[in-house]
Amino acid sequence: ITKAMQMVATSKMRKTQDRMRAARPYAEKVREVMAHVAQATEKSASPFLRNPAQIKKVGIILITADKGLCGGLNTNAVKLFTEKLREYRDQNVEVEVCTLGQKGLVAANRLKVNVVSSAVSLGDIPQMEKLIGPLTGVFNEFYHEKLDAVYVVYSKFINTMKQQPTFEQILPLSDRDLKVESKYPWDYIYEPS
């Protein structure tokens, strides 16, 4: 039974790694396009480019797995989240959390954080329909200036033995944070204006 379970886990891991490798170029290109947009657009033209003078309230999207038994994957992400939460509380910054994954939801509830939305039981291949709702709430709050910044905490896959906990700002878009060197000239036509 153990050998069969190991073979199934190995097969799932290989498929997941293949999907991740296929998605990385897309994610990098999206980041590059966002950088170009941030560099080319006036700061007042989009609420997603605004930089508040003072940060009073932030949103954090905490991404973890639904189950355990995966080494430090969940533990390290929750530990980083806890450190950042402590920093914000020391600065009297209010924090709202959107959790993706059961382990993050449990940790956020244990830390008595305001969980505004969550998604659990996402499975091996998360469906976009389950993610849109919880994430849209956070982005709408930023759009309507109820949040000053939105961050994401997740475990970045390095290899099967190492996943690096990462804390990354996703809103507001910043040309300083998103600067990329491109070997080709770029130009975009925006529709509608």
N, C-alpha and C. Protein backbone atom coordinates (compact mmCIF):
# COMPACT_ATOMS: atom_id res chain seq x y z
N ILE A 1 0.84 -1.20 0.00
CA ILE A 1 0.00 0.00 0.00
C ILE A 1 0.88 1.25 0.00
N THR A 2 1.91 1.24 0.82
CA THR A 2 2.80 2.40 0.89
C THR A 2 3.48 2.65 -0.45
N LYS A 3 3.92 1.59 -1.10
CA LYS A 3 4.58 1.72 -2.41
C LYS A 3 3.61 2.30 -3.44
N ALA A 4 2.35 1.86 -3.42
CA ALA A 4 1.34 2.39 -4.34
C ALA A 4 1.08 3.88 -4.07
N MET A 5 1.01 4.23 -2.79
CA MET A 5 0.80 5.64 -2.42
C MET A 5 1.97 6.50 -2.88
N GLN A 6 3.18 5.98 -2.74
CA GLN A 6 4.37 6.71 -3.18
C GLN A 6 4.35 6.93 -4.69
N MET A 7 3.94 5.91 -5.44
CA MET A 7 3.89 6.03 -6.90
C MET A 7 2.84 7.07 -7.32
N VAL A 8 1.69 7.07 -6.65
CA VAL A 8 0.64 8.05 -6.95
C VAL A 8 1.14 9.46 -6.63
N ALA A 9 1.78 9.62 -5.47
CA ALA A 9 2.30 10.94 -5.07
C ALA A 9 3.37 11.43 -6.04
N THR A 10 4.24 10.53 -6.49
CA THR A 10 5.29 10.89 -7.44
C THR A 10 4.68 11.34 -8.76
N SER A 11 3.66 10.64 -9.22
CA SER A 11 2.99 11.00 -10.46
C SER A 11 2.31 12.36 -10.35
N LYS A 12 1.62 12.60 -9.22
CA LYS A 12 0.96 13.89 -9.01
C LYS A 12 1.99 15.02 -8.95
N MET A 13 3.09 14.76 -8.27
CA MET A 13 4.14 15.79 -8.14
C MET A 13 4.71 16.13 -9.51
N ARG A 14 4.96 15.15 -10.33
CA ARG A 14 5.52 15.39 -11.66
C ARG A 14 4.55 16.23 -12.51
N LYS A 15 3.27 15.87 -12.46
CA LYS A 15 2.27 16.62 -13.23
C LYS A 15 2.17 18.06 -12.73
N THR A 16 2.21 18.24 -11.43
CA THR A 16 2.14 19.59 -10.85
C THR A 16 3.36 20.41 -11.25
N GLN A 17 4.54 19.81 -11.22
CA GLN A 17 5.76 20.51 -11.63
C GLN A 17 5.69 20.89 -13.10
N ASP A 18 5.16 20.02 -13.94
CA ASP A 18 5.03 20.33 -15.37
C ASP A 18 4.09 21.51 -15.57
N ARG A 19 2.96 21.54 -14.83
CA ARG A 19 2.03 22.67 -14.94
C ARG A 19 2.68 23.96 -14.47
N MET A 20 3.47 23.88 -13.39
CA MET A 20 4.14 25.05 -12.87
C MET A 20 5.17 25.59 -13.88
N ARG A 21 5.95 24.69 -14.46
CA ARG A 21 6.95 25.12 -15.45
C ARG A 21 6.29 25.73 -16.68
N ALA A 22 5.13 25.21 -17.06
CA ALA A 22 4.41 25.75 -18.22
C ALA A 22 3.82 27.12 -17.90
N ALA A 23 3.46 27.36 -16.65
CA ALA A 23 2.81 28.63 -16.28
C ALA A 23 3.82 29.74 -15.98
N ARG A 24 5.04 29.41 -15.61
CA ARG A 24 6.02 30.44 -15.23
C ARG A 24 6.31 31.46 -16.33
N PRO A 25 6.53 31.06 -17.58
CA PRO A 25 6.77 32.07 -18.62
C PRO A 25 5.58 33.02 -18.78
N TYR A 26 4.38 32.49 -18.67
CA TYR A 26 3.18 33.33 -18.75
C TYR A 26 3.17 34.34 -17.60
N ALA A 27 3.44 33.88 -16.39
CA ALA A 27 3.45 34.76 -15.22
C ALA A 27 4.52 35.84 -15.36
N GLU A 28 5.69 35.47 -15.87
CA GLU A 28 6.76 36.46 -16.05
C GLU A 28 6.38 37.49 -17.11
N LYS A 29 5.72 37.06 -18.18
CA LYS A 29 5.31 37.99 -19.23
C LYS A 29 4.22 38.93 -18.72
N VAL A 30 3.29 38.41 -17.93
CA VAL A 30 2.26 39.27 -17.34
C VAL A 30 2.91 40.32 -16.45
N ARG A 31 3.90 39.92 -15.67
CA ARG A 31 4.61 40.87 -14.80
C ARG A 31 5.32 41.93 -15.64
N GLU A 32 5.91 41.53 -16.76
CA GLU A 32 6.59 42.47 -17.65
C GLU A 32 5.59 43.47 -18.25
N VAL A 33 4.44 42.98 -18.69
CA VAL A 33 3.41 43.87 -19.24
C VAL A 33 2.92 44.84 -18.17
N MET A 34 2.72 44.34 -16.95
CA MET A 34 2.30 45.22 -15.85
C MET A 34 3.35 46.30 -15.60
N ALA A 35 4.62 45.93 -15.68
CA ALA A 35 5.68 46.92 -15.48
C ALA A 35 5.63 47.99 -16.56
N HIS A 36 5.43 47.57 -17.80
CA HIS A 36 5.35 48.54 -18.89
C HIS A 36 4.15 49.47 -18.71
N VAL A 37 3.02 48.91 -18.33
CA VAL A 37 1.83 49.72 -18.10
C VAL A 37 2.07 50.72 -16.98
N ALA A 38 2.68 50.26 -15.90
CA ALA A 38 2.95 51.15 -14.77
C ALA A 38 3.92 52.27 -15.16
N GLN A 39 4.88 51.98 -16.02
CA GLN A 39 5.85 52.99 -16.44
C GLN A 39 5.25 53.98 -17.42
N ALA A 40 4.29 53.52 -18.24
CA ALA A 40 3.77 54.35 -19.31
C ALA A 40 2.50 55.11 -18.94
N THR A 41 1.89 54.78 -17.83
CA THR A 41 0.61 55.37 -17.47
C THR A 41 0.79 56.42 -16.40
N GLU A 42 0.01 57.50 -16.50
CA GLU A 42 0.02 58.50 -15.45
C GLU A 42 -0.51 57.88 -14.17
N LYS A 43 0.06 58.28 -13.04
CA LYS A 43 -0.33 57.69 -11.77
C LYS A 43 -1.79 57.95 -11.44
N SER A 44 -2.34 59.07 -11.89
CA SER A 44 -3.73 59.40 -11.58
C SER A 44 -4.71 58.68 -12.51
N ALA A 45 -4.21 58.04 -13.56
CA ALA A 45 -5.09 57.42 -14.55
C ALA A 45 -5.74 56.14 -14.04
N SER A 46 -5.12 55.46 -13.12
CA SER A 46 -5.66 54.20 -12.63
C SER A 46 -5.55 54.13 -11.11
N PRO A 47 -6.62 53.69 -10.44
CA PRO A 47 -6.53 53.54 -8.99
C PRO A 47 -5.55 52.44 -8.58
N PHE A 48 -5.20 51.55 -9.50
CA PHE A 48 -4.26 50.49 -9.17
C PHE A 48 -2.81 50.96 -9.17
N LEU A 49 -2.57 52.19 -9.60
CA LEU A 49 -1.22 52.74 -9.61
C LEU A 49 -0.98 53.76 -8.49
N ARG A 50 -2.04 54.09 -7.76
CA ARG A 50 -1.90 55.15 -6.75
C ARG A 50 -0.99 54.69 -5.62
N ASN A 51 -0.28 55.64 -5.07
CA ASN A 51 0.57 55.37 -3.91
C ASN A 51 0.07 56.22 -2.76
N PRO A 52 -0.55 55.63 -1.75
CA PRO A 52 -1.07 56.40 -0.63
C PRO A 52 0.06 57.03 0.17
N ALA A 53 -0.22 58.20 0.73
CA ALA A 53 0.79 58.89 1.53
C ALA A 53 1.11 58.10 2.79
N GLN A 54 0.08 57.50 3.37
CA GLN A 54 0.27 56.74 4.60
C GLN A 54 -0.54 55.46 4.52
N ILE A 55 0.04 54.37 4.94
CA ILE A 55 -0.66 53.08 4.91
C ILE A 55 -1.35 52.88 6.26
N LYS A 56 -2.70 52.81 6.20
CA LYS A 56 -3.49 52.61 7.41
C LYS A 56 -4.14 51.24 7.46
N LYS A 57 -4.40 50.66 6.28
CA LYS A 57 -5.08 49.37 6.23
C LYS A 57 -4.57 48.58 5.03
N VAL A 58 -4.20 47.33 5.26
CA VAL A 58 -3.68 46.50 4.18
C VAL A 58 -4.47 45.19 4.10
N GLY A 59 -4.42 44.59 2.93
CA GLY A 59 -4.99 43.28 2.73
C GLY A 59 -3.88 42.29 2.42
N ILE A 60 -3.98 41.11 2.99
CA ILE A 60 -2.98 40.07 2.75
C ILE A 60 -3.71 38.82 2.24
N ILE A 61 -3.24 38.30 1.12
CA ILE A 61 -3.76 37.05 0.58
C ILE A 61 -2.79 35.96 1.01
N LEU A 62 -3.26 35.05 1.87
CA LEU A 62 -2.42 33.98 2.41
C LEU A 62 -2.75 32.69 1.67
N ILE A 63 -1.76 32.15 0.97
CA ILE A 63 -1.96 30.93 0.18
C ILE A 63 -1.23 29.77 0.85
N THR A 64 -2.00 28.76 1.22
CA THR A 64 -1.45 27.54 1.83
C THR A 64 -2.15 26.33 1.22
N ALA A 65 -1.77 25.17 1.68
CA ALA A 65 -2.42 23.94 1.24
C ALA A 65 -3.62 23.65 2.15
N ASP A 66 -4.47 22.73 1.72
CA ASP A 66 -5.60 22.31 2.54
C ASP A 66 -5.19 21.28 3.57
N LYS A 67 -4.16 20.52 3.29
CA LYS A 67 -3.74 19.44 4.18
C LYS A 67 -2.29 19.64 4.60
N GLY A 68 -1.88 18.88 5.59
CA GLY A 68 -0.52 18.93 6.09
C GLY A 68 0.35 17.87 5.45
N LEU A 69 1.32 17.39 6.22
CA LEU A 69 2.26 16.36 5.79
C LEU A 69 3.03 16.76 4.54
N CYS A 70 3.39 18.04 4.46
CA CYS A 70 4.16 18.50 3.30
C CYS A 70 5.36 19.33 3.76
N GLY A 71 5.99 18.87 4.82
CA GLY A 71 7.18 19.54 5.31
C GLY A 71 6.88 20.94 5.78
N GLY A 72 7.76 21.87 5.43
CA GLY A 72 7.62 23.25 5.87
C GLY A 72 6.79 24.12 4.95
N LEU A 73 6.14 23.54 3.96
CA LEU A 73 5.37 24.32 2.98
C LEU A 73 4.39 25.27 3.66
N ASN A 74 3.51 24.74 4.50
CA ASN A 74 2.54 25.58 5.18
C ASN A 74 3.15 26.33 6.36
N THR A 75 3.98 25.64 7.12
CA THR A 75 4.55 26.21 8.33
C THR A 75 5.35 27.48 8.02
N ASN A 76 6.18 27.44 7.00
CA ASN A 76 7.01 28.60 6.68
C ASN A 76 6.18 29.77 6.17
N ALA A 77 5.15 29.51 5.37
CA ALA A 77 4.29 30.59 4.88
C ALA A 77 3.52 31.23 6.03
N VAL A 78 3.00 30.41 6.94
CA VAL A 78 2.27 30.94 8.10
C VAL A 78 3.21 31.69 9.03
N LYS A 79 4.43 31.21 9.18
CA LYS A 79 5.41 31.89 10.03
C LYS A 79 5.74 33.28 9.46
N LEU A 80 5.94 33.38 8.14
CA LEU A 80 6.19 34.66 7.51
C LEU A 80 4.98 35.58 7.65
N PHE A 81 3.78 35.03 7.46
CA PHE A 81 2.55 35.80 7.63
C PHE A 81 2.46 36.35 9.05
N THR A 82 2.78 35.53 10.04
CA THR A 82 2.72 35.96 11.45
C THR A 82 3.70 37.08 11.72
N GLU A 83 4.91 36.99 11.15
CA GLU A 83 5.91 38.06 11.33
C GLU A 83 5.41 39.38 10.75
N LYS A 84 4.86 39.33 9.52
CA LYS A 84 4.37 40.54 8.88
C LYS A 84 3.17 41.10 9.63
N LEU A 85 2.31 40.22 10.13
CA LEU A 85 1.14 40.65 10.90
C LEU A 85 1.59 41.38 12.16
N ARG A 86 2.60 40.85 12.83
CA ARG A 86 3.13 41.49 14.04
C ARG A 86 3.71 42.87 13.70
N GLU A 87 4.44 42.97 12.58
CA GLU A 87 4.99 44.26 12.16
C GLU A 87 3.89 45.29 11.93
N TYR A 88 2.83 44.88 11.23
CA TYR A 88 1.73 45.81 10.96
C TYR A 88 1.00 46.20 12.24
N ARG A 89 0.81 45.26 13.13
CA ARG A 89 0.15 45.60 14.39
C ARG A 89 1.00 46.55 15.22
N ASP A 90 2.33 46.39 15.19
CA ASP A 90 3.22 47.31 15.91
C ASP A 90 3.14 48.72 15.33
N GLN A 91 2.84 48.83 14.04
CA GLN A 91 2.72 50.14 13.37
C GLN A 91 1.28 50.66 13.38
N ASN A 92 0.38 49.98 14.09
CA ASN A 92 -1.04 50.33 14.14
C ASN A 92 -1.70 50.35 12.77
N VAL A 93 -1.31 49.40 11.93
CA VAL A 93 -1.91 49.25 10.60
C VAL A 93 -2.92 48.11 10.69
N GLU A 94 -4.14 48.38 10.26
CA GLU A 94 -5.19 47.37 10.29
C GLU A 94 -4.94 46.36 9.15
N VAL A 95 -5.22 45.08 9.41
CA VAL A 95 -4.96 44.03 8.43
C VAL A 95 -6.23 43.23 8.19
N GLU A 96 -6.55 43.03 6.90
CA GLU A 96 -7.61 42.13 6.48
C GLU A 96 -6.96 40.99 5.72
N VAL A 97 -7.51 39.78 5.85
CA VAL A 97 -6.88 38.62 5.24
C VAL A 97 -7.88 37.86 4.36
N CYS A 98 -7.39 37.44 3.21
CA CYS A 98 -8.10 36.50 2.35
C CYS A 98 -7.25 35.24 2.34
N THR A 99 -7.84 34.11 2.72
CA THR A 99 -7.06 32.88 2.77
C THR A 99 -7.48 31.94 1.65
N LEU A 100 -6.49 31.31 1.06
CA LEU A 100 -6.71 30.27 0.07
C LEU A 100 -6.04 29.02 0.63
N GLY A 101 -6.85 28.07 1.08
CA GLY A 101 -6.31 26.85 1.70
C GLY A 101 -6.70 26.76 3.17
N GLN A 102 -6.99 25.56 3.60
CA GLN A 102 -7.48 25.31 4.96
C GLN A 102 -6.46 25.68 6.03
N LYS A 103 -5.19 25.37 5.81
CA LYS A 103 -4.17 25.64 6.82
C LYS A 103 -4.02 27.14 7.08
N GLY A 104 -4.12 27.96 6.05
CA GLY A 104 -4.04 29.41 6.24
C GLY A 104 -5.25 29.95 6.98
N LEU A 105 -6.43 29.42 6.68
CA LEU A 105 -7.65 29.84 7.36
C LEU A 105 -7.58 29.53 8.85
N VAL A 106 -7.12 28.33 9.18
CA VAL A 106 -6.99 27.94 10.59
C VAL A 106 -5.99 28.85 11.30
N ALA A 107 -4.86 29.13 10.65
CA ALA A 107 -3.83 29.99 11.25
C ALA A 107 -4.35 31.41 11.45
N ALA A 108 -5.04 31.96 10.46
CA ALA A 108 -5.57 33.32 10.57
C ALA A 108 -6.60 33.41 11.69
N ASN A 109 -7.46 32.41 11.81
CA ASN A 109 -8.45 32.41 12.90
C ASN A 109 -7.77 32.29 14.25
N ARG A 110 -6.71 31.48 14.33
CA ARG A 110 -5.97 31.33 15.58
C ARG A 110 -5.30 32.64 15.99
N LEU A 111 -4.85 33.43 14.98
CA LEU A 111 -4.19 34.70 15.26
C LEU A 111 -5.18 35.86 15.44
N LYS A 112 -6.49 35.54 15.35
CA LYS A 112 -7.56 36.53 15.54
C LYS A 112 -7.42 37.70 14.57
N VAL A 113 -7.29 37.35 13.29
CA VAL A 113 -7.19 38.34 12.23
C VAL A 113 -8.55 38.42 11.54
N ASN A 114 -8.88 39.58 11.01
CA ASN A 114 -10.13 39.77 10.28
C ASN A 114 -10.04 39.04 8.93
N VAL A 115 -10.66 37.86 8.83
CA VAL A 115 -10.68 37.10 7.59
C VAL A 115 -11.91 37.53 6.80
N VAL A 116 -11.69 38.25 5.69
CA VAL A 116 -12.81 38.78 4.92
C VAL A 116 -13.32 37.79 3.88
N SER A 117 -12.48 36.87 3.44
CA SER A 117 -12.92 35.86 2.49
C SER A 117 -11.93 34.69 2.52
N SER A 118 -12.42 33.54 2.06
CA SER A 118 -11.54 32.37 2.05
C SER A 118 -12.06 31.37 1.03
N ALA A 119 -11.17 30.49 0.62
CA ALA A 119 -11.51 29.38 -0.26
C ALA A 119 -10.74 28.17 0.23
N VAL A 120 -11.46 27.07 0.46
CA VAL A 120 -10.83 25.84 0.93
C VAL A 120 -11.26 24.70 0.01
N SER A 121 -10.66 23.57 0.20
CA SER A 121 -10.95 22.37 -0.61
C SER A 121 -10.78 22.67 -2.10
N LEU A 122 -9.65 23.25 -2.44
CA LEU A 122 -9.38 23.63 -3.83
C LEU A 122 -8.90 22.46 -4.67
N GLY A 123 -8.38 21.43 -4.05
CA GLY A 123 -7.94 20.25 -4.79
C GLY A 123 -6.58 20.44 -5.44
N ASP A 124 -6.20 19.45 -6.24
CA ASP A 124 -4.90 19.47 -6.90
C ASP A 124 -4.84 20.51 -8.01
N ILE A 125 -5.96 20.72 -8.69
CA ILE A 125 -6.02 21.70 -9.77
C ILE A 125 -7.14 22.69 -9.41
N PRO A 126 -6.79 23.82 -8.77
CA PRO A 126 -7.82 24.78 -8.35
C PRO A 126 -8.61 25.32 -9.54
N GLN A 127 -9.92 25.38 -9.38
CA GLN A 127 -10.80 25.93 -10.41
C GLN A 127 -10.93 27.43 -10.21
N MET A 128 -10.86 28.19 -11.29
CA MET A 128 -10.91 29.63 -11.23
C MET A 128 -12.20 30.13 -10.56
N GLU A 129 -13.31 29.39 -10.75
CA GLU A 129 -14.59 29.81 -10.17
C GLU A 129 -14.51 29.88 -8.65
N LYS A 130 -13.71 29.01 -8.03
CA LYS A 130 -13.59 29.01 -6.58
C LYS A 130 -12.69 30.13 -6.07
N LEU A 131 -11.82 30.66 -6.95
CA LEU A 131 -10.87 31.68 -6.54
C LEU A 131 -11.36 33.10 -6.80
N ILE A 132 -12.17 33.27 -7.83
CA ILE A 132 -12.59 34.61 -8.25
C ILE A 132 -13.29 35.37 -7.13
N GLY A 133 -14.26 34.73 -6.49
CA GLY A 133 -15.05 35.41 -5.45
C GLY A 133 -14.21 35.97 -4.32
N PRO A 134 -13.42 35.13 -3.64
CA PRO A 134 -12.62 35.64 -2.52
C PRO A 134 -11.62 36.73 -2.95
N LEU A 135 -11.01 36.57 -4.11
CA LEU A 135 -10.01 37.55 -4.54
C LEU A 135 -10.65 38.85 -5.01
N THR A 136 -11.81 38.77 -5.65
CA THR A 136 -12.48 39.97 -6.15
C THR A 136 -12.81 40.91 -5.01
N GLY A 137 -13.22 40.35 -3.86
CA GLY A 137 -13.54 41.18 -2.71
C GLY A 137 -12.35 42.04 -2.28
N VAL A 138 -11.18 41.44 -2.22
CA VAL A 138 -9.96 42.16 -1.81
C VAL A 138 -9.62 43.24 -2.84
N PHE A 139 -9.67 42.88 -4.13
CA PHE A 139 -9.31 43.85 -5.16
C PHE A 139 -10.32 45.00 -5.22
N ASN A 140 -11.60 44.71 -4.99
CA ASN A 140 -12.61 45.77 -4.97
C ASN A 140 -12.38 46.72 -3.81
N GLU A 141 -12.00 46.19 -2.66
CA GLU A 141 -11.71 47.06 -1.52
C GLU A 141 -10.53 47.97 -1.82
N PHE A 142 -9.52 47.47 -2.51
CA PHE A 142 -8.41 48.33 -2.89
C PHE A 142 -8.87 49.38 -3.90
N TYR A 143 -9.64 48.96 -4.87
CA TYR A 143 -10.15 49.86 -5.92
C TYR A 143 -10.96 51.01 -5.31
N HIS A 144 -11.76 50.70 -4.30
CA HIS A 144 -12.59 51.72 -3.66
C HIS A 144 -11.88 52.40 -2.49
N GLU A 145 -10.57 52.24 -2.43
CA GLU A 145 -9.69 52.91 -1.47
C GLU A 145 -9.99 52.58 -0.02
N LYS A 146 -10.49 51.39 0.22
CA LYS A 146 -10.67 50.94 1.60
C LYS A 146 -9.40 50.25 2.10
N LEU A 147 -8.57 49.78 1.17
CA LEU A 147 -7.25 49.22 1.48
C LEU A 147 -6.19 50.07 0.81
N ASP A 148 -5.07 50.25 1.48
CA ASP A 148 -3.97 51.05 0.92
C ASP A 148 -2.98 50.19 0.15
N ALA A 149 -2.92 48.90 0.44
CA ALA A 149 -2.00 48.00 -0.25
C ALA A 149 -2.51 46.57 -0.11
N VAL A 150 -2.14 45.73 -1.06
CA VAL A 150 -2.49 44.31 -1.01
C VAL A 150 -1.21 43.51 -1.23
N TYR A 151 -1.00 42.53 -0.36
CA TYR A 151 0.18 41.67 -0.42
C TYR A 151 -0.26 40.22 -0.55
N VAL A 152 0.64 39.38 -1.01
CA VAL A 152 0.38 37.95 -1.08
C VAL A 152 1.52 37.22 -0.36
N VAL A 153 1.15 36.22 0.43
CA VAL A 153 2.12 35.35 1.11
C VAL A 153 1.93 33.95 0.55
N TYR A 154 3.01 33.38 0.05
CA TYR A 154 2.95 32.04 -0.52
C TYR A 154 4.31 31.38 -0.43
N SER A 155 4.35 30.10 -0.73
CA SER A 155 5.61 29.36 -0.76
C SER A 155 6.06 29.21 -2.20
N LYS A 156 7.17 29.84 -2.53
CA LYS A 156 7.71 29.77 -3.89
C LYS A 156 8.48 28.46 -4.05
N PHE A 157 8.12 27.71 -5.08
CA PHE A 157 8.74 26.40 -5.31
C PHE A 157 10.14 26.58 -5.88
N ILE A 158 11.13 26.07 -5.18
CA ILE A 158 12.51 26.05 -5.66
C ILE A 158 12.81 24.65 -6.21
N ASN A 159 12.64 23.66 -5.37
CA ASN A 159 12.72 22.25 -5.76
C ASN A 159 11.91 21.43 -4.77
N THR A 160 11.90 20.13 -4.92
CA THR A 160 11.05 19.30 -4.06
C THR A 160 11.44 19.39 -2.59
N MET A 161 12.67 19.73 -2.30
CA MET A 161 13.12 19.81 -0.91
C MET A 161 13.09 21.22 -0.36
N LYS A 162 12.89 22.22 -1.20
CA LYS A 162 12.95 23.59 -0.72
C LYS A 162 11.85 24.44 -1.35
N GLN A 163 11.06 25.07 -0.49
CA GLN A 163 10.07 26.03 -0.92
C GLN A 163 10.32 27.29 -0.09
N GLN A 164 10.49 28.40 -0.77
CA GLN A 164 10.86 29.65 -0.10
C GLN A 164 9.61 30.47 0.22
N PRO A 165 9.37 30.78 1.51
CA PRO A 165 8.22 31.63 1.84
C PRO A 165 8.44 33.03 1.27
N THR A 166 7.41 33.58 0.64
CA THR A 166 7.53 34.85 -0.07
C THR A 166 6.41 35.79 0.33
N PHE A 167 6.77 37.05 0.55
CA PHE A 167 5.82 38.13 0.86
C PHE A 167 5.99 39.16 -0.24
N GLU A 168 4.96 39.35 -1.05
CA GLU A 168 5.10 40.18 -2.25
C GLU A 168 3.94 41.17 -2.37
N GLN A 169 4.25 42.41 -2.69
CA GLN A 169 3.21 43.42 -2.91
C GLN A 169 2.64 43.24 -4.31
N ILE A 170 1.30 43.18 -4.40
CA ILE A 170 0.69 43.09 -5.72
C ILE A 170 -0.11 44.35 -6.07
N LEU A 171 -0.56 45.09 -5.06
CA LEU A 171 -1.23 46.38 -5.30
C LEU A 171 -0.76 47.36 -4.25
N PRO A 172 -0.52 48.60 -4.55
CA PRO A 172 -0.61 49.19 -5.88
C PRO A 172 0.55 48.73 -6.76
N LEU A 173 0.29 48.71 -8.04
CA LEU A 173 1.34 48.40 -9.00
C LEU A 173 2.37 49.51 -8.92
N SER A 174 3.61 49.13 -8.90
CA SER A 174 4.67 50.12 -8.77
C SER A 174 5.69 49.92 -9.87
N ASP A 175 5.94 50.96 -10.65
CA ASP A 175 6.94 50.82 -11.71
C ASP A 175 8.33 50.57 -11.12
N ARG A 176 8.57 51.04 -9.90
CA ARG A 176 9.86 50.79 -9.26
C ARG A 176 10.01 49.29 -8.94
N ASP A 177 8.95 48.67 -8.42
CA ASP A 177 9.01 47.25 -8.08
C ASP A 177 8.91 46.36 -9.30
N LEU A 178 8.28 46.87 -10.36
CA LEU A 178 8.01 46.04 -11.53
C LEU A 178 8.99 46.27 -12.67
N LYS A 179 9.99 47.12 -12.46
CA LYS A 179 10.92 47.42 -13.55
C LYS A 179 11.53 46.14 -14.10
N VAL A 180 11.52 46.06 -15.43
CA VAL A 180 12.13 44.91 -16.08
C VAL A 180 12.95 45.41 -17.25
N GLU A 181 13.98 44.67 -17.52
CA GLU A 181 14.79 44.96 -18.69
C GLU A 181 14.26 44.11 -19.84
N SER A 182 13.93 44.76 -20.94
CA SER A 182 13.40 44.02 -22.08
C SER A 182 14.34 44.20 -23.26
N LYS A 183 14.55 43.12 -23.99
CA LYS A 183 15.45 43.22 -25.14
C LYS A 183 14.73 43.74 -26.38
N TYR A 184 13.39 43.85 -26.30
CA TYR A 184 12.62 44.34 -27.43
C TYR A 184 11.87 45.62 -27.04
N PRO A 185 11.68 46.54 -27.99
CA PRO A 185 10.88 47.73 -27.68
C PRO A 185 9.42 47.31 -27.48
N TRP A 186 8.69 48.09 -26.66
CA TRP A 186 7.31 47.73 -26.40
C TRP A 186 6.42 48.94 -26.61
N ASP A 187 5.20 48.64 -27.02
CA ASP A 187 4.18 49.67 -27.19
C ASP A 187 2.83 48.97 -27.10
N TYR A 188 1.88 49.62 -26.44
CA TYR A 188 0.56 49.01 -26.26
C TYR A 188 -0.51 49.98 -26.71
N ILE A 189 -1.57 49.44 -27.24
CA ILE A 189 -2.76 50.21 -27.55
C ILE A 189 -3.81 49.77 -26.55
N TYR A 190 -4.34 50.73 -25.77
CA TYR A 190 -5.29 50.41 -24.73
C TYR A 190 -6.71 50.67 -25.22
N GLU A 191 -7.56 49.63 -25.12
CA GLU A 191 -8.96 49.78 -25.47
C GLU A 191 -9.81 49.14 -24.38
N PRO A 192 -10.86 49.76 -23.92
CA PRO A 192 -11.23 51.16 -24.14
C PRO A 192 -10.27 52.09 -23.41
N SER A 193 -10.35 53.35 -23.71
CA SER A 193 -9.40 54.31 -23.12
C SER A 193 -9.62 54.40 -21.61
